[in-house]
N, C-alpha and C. Protein backbone atom coordinates (compact mmCIF):
# COMPACT_ATOMS: atom_id res chain seq x y z
N MET A 1 -4.79 2.67 -14.98
CA MET A 1 -4.91 1.51 -14.23
C MET A 1 -6.56 1.59 -14.41
N GLY A 2 -7.48 0.61 -14.54
CA GLY A 2 -8.66 0.28 -14.44
C GLY A 2 -9.54 0.68 -13.29
N GLU A 3 -10.78 1.23 -13.58
CA GLU A 3 -11.32 1.58 -12.09
C GLU A 3 -12.03 0.86 -11.63
N ASN A 4 -13.10 -0.08 -12.51
CA ASN A 4 -13.97 -1.02 -12.27
C ASN A 4 -14.20 -2.14 -11.84
N LYS A 5 -13.56 -3.09 -10.77
CA LYS A 5 -13.37 -3.95 -10.43
C LYS A 5 -14.14 -4.14 -9.01
N GLU A 6 -14.31 -5.56 -9.03
CA GLU A 6 -15.51 -5.61 -7.47
C GLU A 6 -14.36 -6.63 -6.90
N TYR A 7 -13.39 -7.57 -7.80
CA TYR A 7 -12.86 -8.52 -6.89
C TYR A 7 -11.17 -8.50 -7.75
N ILE A 8 -10.17 -8.88 -6.79
CA ILE A 8 -9.13 -8.99 -7.41
C ILE A 8 -8.61 -10.45 -7.23
N THR A 9 -8.25 -11.29 -8.22
CA THR A 9 -8.45 -12.44 -8.06
C THR A 9 -6.80 -12.98 -7.71
N ILE A 10 -6.35 -13.85 -6.92
CA ILE A 10 -4.81 -14.52 -6.75
C ILE A 10 -4.96 -15.95 -6.95
N THR A 11 -3.99 -16.09 -7.87
CA THR A 11 -3.98 -17.45 -8.58
C THR A 11 -3.12 -17.82 -7.56
N THR A 12 -3.70 -19.53 -6.84
CA THR A 12 -2.69 -20.28 -6.35
C THR A 12 -2.16 -21.27 -6.82
N ASP A 13 -1.50 -22.21 -6.11
CA ASP A 13 -1.56 -23.93 -6.81
C ASP A 13 -2.84 -24.44 -6.43
N LYS A 14 -3.59 -24.13 -5.18
CA LYS A 14 -4.80 -24.81 -5.24
C LYS A 14 -5.69 -24.07 -5.30
N GLY A 15 -6.24 -23.04 -6.18
CA GLY A 15 -7.33 -22.42 -7.20
C GLY A 15 -7.21 -20.80 -6.67
N ASN A 16 -7.99 -20.41 -7.05
CA ASN A 16 -7.96 -19.20 -7.12
C ASN A 16 -9.11 -18.18 -5.84
N VAL A 17 -8.32 -17.28 -5.15
CA VAL A 17 -8.41 -16.31 -4.28
C VAL A 17 -8.95 -14.91 -4.64
N ASN A 18 -10.74 -14.88 -4.49
CA ASN A 18 -11.10 -13.48 -5.21
C ASN A 18 -11.35 -12.71 -3.58
N VAL A 19 -10.46 -11.57 -3.54
CA VAL A 19 -10.35 -10.41 -2.77
C VAL A 19 -11.47 -9.19 -3.01
N SER A 20 -12.42 -9.13 -2.41
CA SER A 20 -13.47 -7.59 -2.83
C SER A 20 -12.93 -6.46 -2.40
N VAL A 21 -12.97 -5.64 -3.34
CA VAL A 21 -12.14 -4.45 -3.17
C VAL A 21 -13.12 -3.75 -1.68
N ASP A 22 -14.04 -4.21 -1.37
CA ASP A 22 -14.43 -3.70 -0.15
C ASP A 22 -13.47 -4.36 1.00
N VAL A 23 -13.13 -5.17 0.90
CA VAL A 23 -12.11 -5.63 1.93
C VAL A 23 -10.83 -4.96 1.82
N ILE A 24 -10.62 -4.61 0.80
CA ILE A 24 -8.93 -3.82 0.54
C ILE A 24 -9.24 -2.40 1.01
N SER A 25 -10.15 -1.46 0.78
CA SER A 25 -10.48 -0.40 1.08
C SER A 25 -11.05 -0.34 2.61
N VAL A 26 -11.16 -1.61 3.30
CA VAL A 26 -11.28 -1.71 5.21
C VAL A 26 -10.17 -2.03 5.59
N VAL A 27 -9.41 -2.63 5.08
CA VAL A 27 -8.21 -2.89 5.43
C VAL A 27 -7.19 -1.47 5.81
N ALA A 28 -7.20 -0.83 4.32
CA ALA A 28 -6.53 0.31 3.64
C ALA A 28 -6.69 1.78 5.29
N ALA A 29 -8.21 1.75 5.38
CA ALA A 29 -8.91 2.64 5.97
C ALA A 29 -8.16 2.32 7.38
N ARG A 30 -8.08 1.51 7.88
CA ARG A 30 -7.89 1.31 9.37
C ARG A 30 -6.67 0.79 9.63
N ALA A 31 -5.69 0.75 8.40
CA ALA A 31 -4.38 1.06 8.64
C ALA A 31 -4.42 2.73 8.59
N VAL A 32 -4.71 3.23 8.24
CA VAL A 32 -4.50 4.59 8.22
C VAL A 32 -5.32 5.13 9.36
N THR A 33 -6.45 4.83 9.55
CA THR A 33 -7.10 5.43 11.37
C THR A 33 -5.93 5.18 12.58
N GLU A 34 -5.41 3.90 12.04
CA GLU A 34 -4.23 3.70 13.50
C GLU A 34 -3.58 4.29 13.38
N THR A 35 -2.22 4.93 12.19
CA THR A 35 -1.29 5.70 12.30
C THR A 35 -1.52 6.92 13.01
N GLU A 36 -0.32 7.00 13.79
CA GLU A 36 -0.17 8.55 14.75
C GLU A 36 -0.24 9.67 14.11
N GLY A 37 -0.85 10.73 14.36
CA GLY A 37 -0.85 11.81 13.58
C GLY A 37 -2.00 11.77 12.71
N VAL A 38 -2.60 11.00 12.36
CA VAL A 38 -3.92 11.17 11.28
C VAL A 38 -5.15 11.40 12.57
N ALA A 39 -5.43 12.34 12.28
CA ALA A 39 -6.82 12.89 12.95
C ALA A 39 -8.33 11.68 12.37
N ALA A 40 -8.33 11.92 11.33
CA ALA A 40 -9.59 11.18 10.41
C ALA A 40 -8.81 11.13 8.96
N LEU A 41 -9.98 10.29 8.43
CA LEU A 41 -10.21 10.07 6.74
C LEU A 41 -10.98 11.30 6.56
N ALA A 42 -10.71 11.98 5.60
CA ALA A 42 -11.49 12.83 5.00
C ALA A 42 -12.27 12.37 3.68
N TRP A 43 -13.52 13.40 4.07
CA TRP A 43 -14.38 12.58 2.96
C TRP A 43 -14.52 13.40 1.67
N GLU A 44 -14.48 12.85 0.46
CA GLU A 44 -14.02 13.32 -0.76
C GLU A 44 -15.42 12.87 -1.66
N SER A 45 -15.61 14.53 -1.89
CA SER A 45 -16.71 14.88 -2.88
C SER A 45 -16.10 14.80 -4.25
N THR A 46 -16.75 14.03 -5.23
CA THR A 46 -16.71 14.24 -6.88
C THR A 46 -17.73 14.17 -7.47
N ASP A 47 -17.64 14.88 -8.84
CA ASP A 47 -18.56 14.69 -9.56
C ASP A 47 -18.26 13.45 -10.76
N ILE A 48 -19.21 12.82 -10.67
CA ILE A 48 -19.48 12.04 -11.62
C ILE A 48 -20.35 11.45 -12.52
N PHE A 49 -20.34 12.06 -13.92
CA PHE A 49 -21.67 11.83 -14.68
C PHE A 49 -23.07 13.05 -14.08
N GLY A 50 -22.68 14.02 -13.59
CA GLY A 50 -23.43 14.91 -12.91
C GLY A 50 -24.11 14.81 -11.50
N LYS A 51 -23.53 13.72 -10.82
CA LYS A 51 -23.87 13.01 -9.76
C LYS A 51 -22.66 13.28 -8.49
N LYS A 52 -22.97 13.91 -7.65
CA LYS A 52 -21.92 13.78 -6.51
C LYS A 52 -21.76 12.46 -5.91
N ASN A 53 -20.60 12.19 -5.88
CA ASN A 53 -20.02 10.54 -5.21
C ASN A 53 -19.48 10.89 -3.89
N VAL A 54 -19.76 10.70 -3.07
CA VAL A 54 -18.83 11.47 -1.78
C VAL A 54 -18.36 9.39 -1.12
N SER A 55 -17.09 9.71 -1.21
CA SER A 55 -16.25 8.29 -0.82
C SER A 55 -15.67 8.95 1.09
N LYS A 56 -15.40 8.17 1.58
CA LYS A 56 -14.68 7.91 2.85
C LYS A 56 -13.35 8.18 3.08
N GLY A 57 -12.57 8.84 1.92
CA GLY A 57 -11.19 9.26 2.34
C GLY A 57 -10.46 7.96 1.53
N ILE A 58 -10.67 6.73 0.98
CA ILE A 58 -10.05 5.90 0.35
C ILE A 58 -10.58 5.88 -1.01
N ARG A 59 -9.28 5.82 -2.13
CA ARG A 59 -10.14 5.54 -3.58
C ARG A 59 -8.74 4.44 -4.48
N LEU A 60 -8.93 3.02 -4.49
CA LEU A 60 -8.69 2.57 -5.00
C LEU A 60 -8.40 2.62 -7.07
N SER A 61 -7.61 2.08 -7.29
CA SER A 61 -7.26 2.19 -8.63
C SER A 61 -6.46 0.65 -8.88
N PHE A 62 -6.70 0.19 -10.10
CA PHE A 62 -6.05 -1.38 -10.36
C PHE A 62 -5.25 -1.41 -11.92
N ALA A 63 -4.18 -1.80 -11.69
CA ALA A 63 -3.34 -2.40 -12.66
C ALA A 63 -3.65 -3.79 -13.52
N GLU A 64 -3.20 -4.06 -14.49
CA GLU A 64 -3.61 -5.11 -15.10
C GLU A 64 -2.68 -6.20 -14.46
N ASP A 65 -1.51 -5.78 -14.08
CA ASP A 65 -1.39 -7.31 -13.00
C ASP A 65 -1.86 -7.45 -11.65
N ASP A 66 -3.13 -7.11 -11.39
CA ASP A 66 -3.94 -6.98 -10.38
C ASP A 66 -3.15 -6.29 -9.00
N SER A 67 -2.38 -5.69 -9.36
CA SER A 67 -1.85 -4.57 -7.98
C SER A 67 -2.56 -3.43 -7.52
N VAL A 68 -2.81 -3.26 -6.35
CA VAL A 68 -3.82 -1.77 -6.58
C VAL A 68 -2.65 -0.40 -5.76
N GLY A 69 -3.74 0.48 -6.70
CA GLY A 69 -2.79 1.69 -6.10
C GLY A 69 -4.17 2.36 -5.47
N ILE A 70 -3.41 3.05 -4.25
CA ILE A 70 -4.71 3.59 -3.28
C ILE A 70 -4.14 5.07 -3.07
N GLU A 71 -5.05 5.87 -3.24
CA GLU A 71 -5.47 7.37 -2.97
C GLU A 71 -5.89 7.39 -1.83
N VAL A 72 -5.44 8.17 -0.40
CA VAL A 72 -5.82 8.20 0.88
C VAL A 72 -5.73 10.04 1.18
N TYR A 73 -6.92 10.13 1.36
CA TYR A 73 -7.39 11.46 1.88
C TYR A 73 -7.46 11.83 3.02
N ILE A 74 -6.73 12.66 4.07
CA ILE A 74 -6.79 12.35 5.35
C ILE A 74 -6.52 13.98 6.00
N LEU A 75 -7.35 13.88 7.29
CA LEU A 75 -7.07 15.39 8.07
C LEU A 75 -5.68 14.90 9.41
N ALA A 76 -4.99 15.65 9.07
CA ALA A 76 -3.82 15.28 10.36
C ALA A 76 -4.21 16.40 11.46
N LYS A 77 -3.49 15.57 12.52
CA LYS A 77 -3.65 16.06 14.02
C LYS A 77 -2.77 17.42 13.87
N MET A 78 -2.94 18.50 14.72
CA MET A 78 -2.62 19.41 14.68
C MET A 78 -1.21 19.42 15.48
N GLY A 79 0.41 20.22 15.05
CA GLY A 79 1.21 20.01 15.80
C GLY A 79 1.94 18.61 15.18
N VAL A 80 1.10 17.84 14.05
CA VAL A 80 2.27 16.65 13.82
C VAL A 80 3.22 17.45 12.72
N SER A 81 4.07 16.63 12.53
CA SER A 81 4.91 16.77 10.61
C SER A 81 3.74 16.12 9.89
N VAL A 82 3.40 16.77 8.87
CA VAL A 82 2.50 16.27 8.12
C VAL A 82 3.63 15.24 7.03
N HIS A 83 4.37 15.38 6.68
CA HIS A 83 5.50 14.60 6.30
C HIS A 83 5.80 13.34 6.53
N LYS A 84 5.97 13.41 8.07
CA LYS A 84 6.16 12.19 8.64
C LYS A 84 4.79 11.03 8.68
N THR A 85 3.63 11.96 9.13
CA THR A 85 2.47 11.29 9.16
C THR A 85 1.87 10.69 8.11
N ALA A 86 2.52 11.41 6.60
CA ALA A 86 2.40 10.99 5.62
C ALA A 86 3.10 9.98 5.30
N SER A 87 4.50 9.56 5.13
CA SER A 87 5.02 8.22 4.71
C SER A 87 4.79 7.27 5.89
N ASP A 88 4.16 7.72 7.04
CA ASP A 88 3.92 6.48 8.03
C ASP A 88 2.58 5.77 7.55
N VAL A 89 1.81 6.59 6.91
CA VAL A 89 0.60 6.18 6.68
C VAL A 89 0.89 5.55 5.12
N GLN A 90 1.67 5.43 4.52
CA GLN A 90 2.03 5.16 3.12
C GLN A 90 2.54 3.38 3.41
N LYS A 91 3.57 3.83 4.46
CA LYS A 91 4.23 2.44 5.00
C LYS A 91 3.26 1.05 5.44
N ASN A 92 2.14 1.79 6.67
CA ASN A 92 1.39 1.19 7.05
C ASN A 92 0.05 0.79 6.16
N VAL A 93 -0.40 1.28 5.15
CA VAL A 93 -1.23 1.30 4.57
C VAL A 93 -0.24 -0.49 3.84
N ILE A 94 0.59 -0.32 2.80
CA ILE A 94 1.41 -0.82 2.12
C ILE A 94 1.46 -2.58 2.89
N SER A 95 1.87 -2.25 4.01
CA SER A 95 2.25 -3.37 5.12
C SER A 95 0.68 -4.01 5.55
N ASN A 96 -0.53 -3.46 5.72
CA ASN A 96 -1.49 -4.36 6.12
C ASN A 96 -2.31 -4.70 4.77
N VAL A 97 -2.42 -3.97 3.54
CA VAL A 97 -2.99 -4.36 2.54
C VAL A 97 -2.25 -5.77 2.22
N GLU A 98 -1.04 -5.48 1.80
CA GLU A 98 -0.25 -6.96 1.49
C GLU A 98 -0.12 -8.19 2.42
N THR A 99 -0.31 -7.77 3.71
CA THR A 99 -0.39 -8.96 4.93
C THR A 99 -1.66 -9.61 5.06
N VAL A 100 -2.59 -8.64 4.99
CA VAL A 100 -3.97 -9.35 5.46
C VAL A 100 -4.46 -9.94 3.92
N THR A 101 -4.37 -9.12 2.92
CA THR A 101 -5.18 -9.53 1.45
C THR A 101 -4.15 -10.14 0.81
N GLY A 102 -2.99 -10.45 0.46
CA GLY A 102 -2.32 -10.79 -0.24
C GLY A 102 -1.87 -9.95 -1.44
N VAL A 103 -2.63 -8.96 -1.61
CA VAL A 103 -2.90 -8.20 -2.91
C VAL A 103 -1.45 -7.15 -2.82
N LYS A 104 -0.81 -6.96 -3.84
CA LYS A 104 0.41 -6.36 -4.00
C LYS A 104 -0.55 -4.73 -4.07
N VAL A 105 0.36 -3.94 -3.33
CA VAL A 105 0.29 -2.42 -3.36
C VAL A 105 1.53 -1.68 -4.46
N SER A 106 0.90 -1.26 -5.18
CA SER A 106 2.13 -0.86 -6.22
C SER A 106 2.19 0.76 -6.18
N GLU A 107 1.11 1.48 -5.16
CA GLU A 107 1.63 2.95 -4.66
C GLU A 107 1.03 3.27 -3.51
N VAL A 108 0.91 4.23 -3.15
CA VAL A 108 0.19 4.82 -1.91
C VAL A 108 0.05 6.30 -1.82
N ASN A 109 -0.69 7.30 -2.42
CA ASN A 109 -0.52 8.57 -2.62
C ASN A 109 -1.44 9.06 -1.34
N VAL A 110 -0.64 9.89 -0.18
CA VAL A 110 -1.83 10.62 0.35
C VAL A 110 -1.44 11.85 0.16
N HIS A 111 -2.65 12.36 0.78
CA HIS A 111 -3.34 13.59 0.23
C HIS A 111 -4.07 14.29 1.82
N VAL A 112 -3.03 14.98 2.48
CA VAL A 112 -3.39 16.08 3.70
C VAL A 112 -4.59 17.09 3.35
N VAL A 113 -5.60 17.14 3.43
CA VAL A 113 -6.30 17.71 3.21
C VAL A 113 -6.80 18.84 3.89
N GLY A 114 -6.28 18.77 5.33
CA GLY A 114 -6.57 19.65 6.49
C GLY A 114 -6.07 18.90 7.18
N ILE A 115 -6.40 20.19 8.47
CA ILE A 115 -5.74 19.80 9.93
C ILE A 115 -6.89 19.96 10.54
N ASP A 116 -6.49 18.98 11.64
CA ASP A 116 -8.04 19.06 12.48
C ASP A 116 -7.53 19.76 13.81
N LEU A 117 -8.24 20.63 14.15
CA LEU A 117 -7.57 22.06 14.86
C LEU A 117 -8.10 21.25 16.64
N LYS A 118 -8.46 20.39 16.99
CA LYS A 118 -9.23 19.81 18.18
C LYS A 118 -7.85 19.65 19.13
């Protein structure tokens, strides 16, 4: 999957609709944080070309068919079923992104990176 896109183009019979990847990220992030059992999106730190790149919990990748793969990094709430929470996150992200943006979601991979002890 390619990584450097600014827009996903959806072609309709009336023309094109260009959806910003930022819009997809915001919709996905909101779907995650509204899921029962999620304490927060986790900050992810990566080293790209010798520079630290910090992003808040959502990473997108794109296929040639303009579908999107979504990596989600979360902190789960203490005492919840991590498996059920991750499964609910997948369902919510797919439903929200596809409904709001019209962009097909090919996969949602959930990384539970910690437990919120509060």
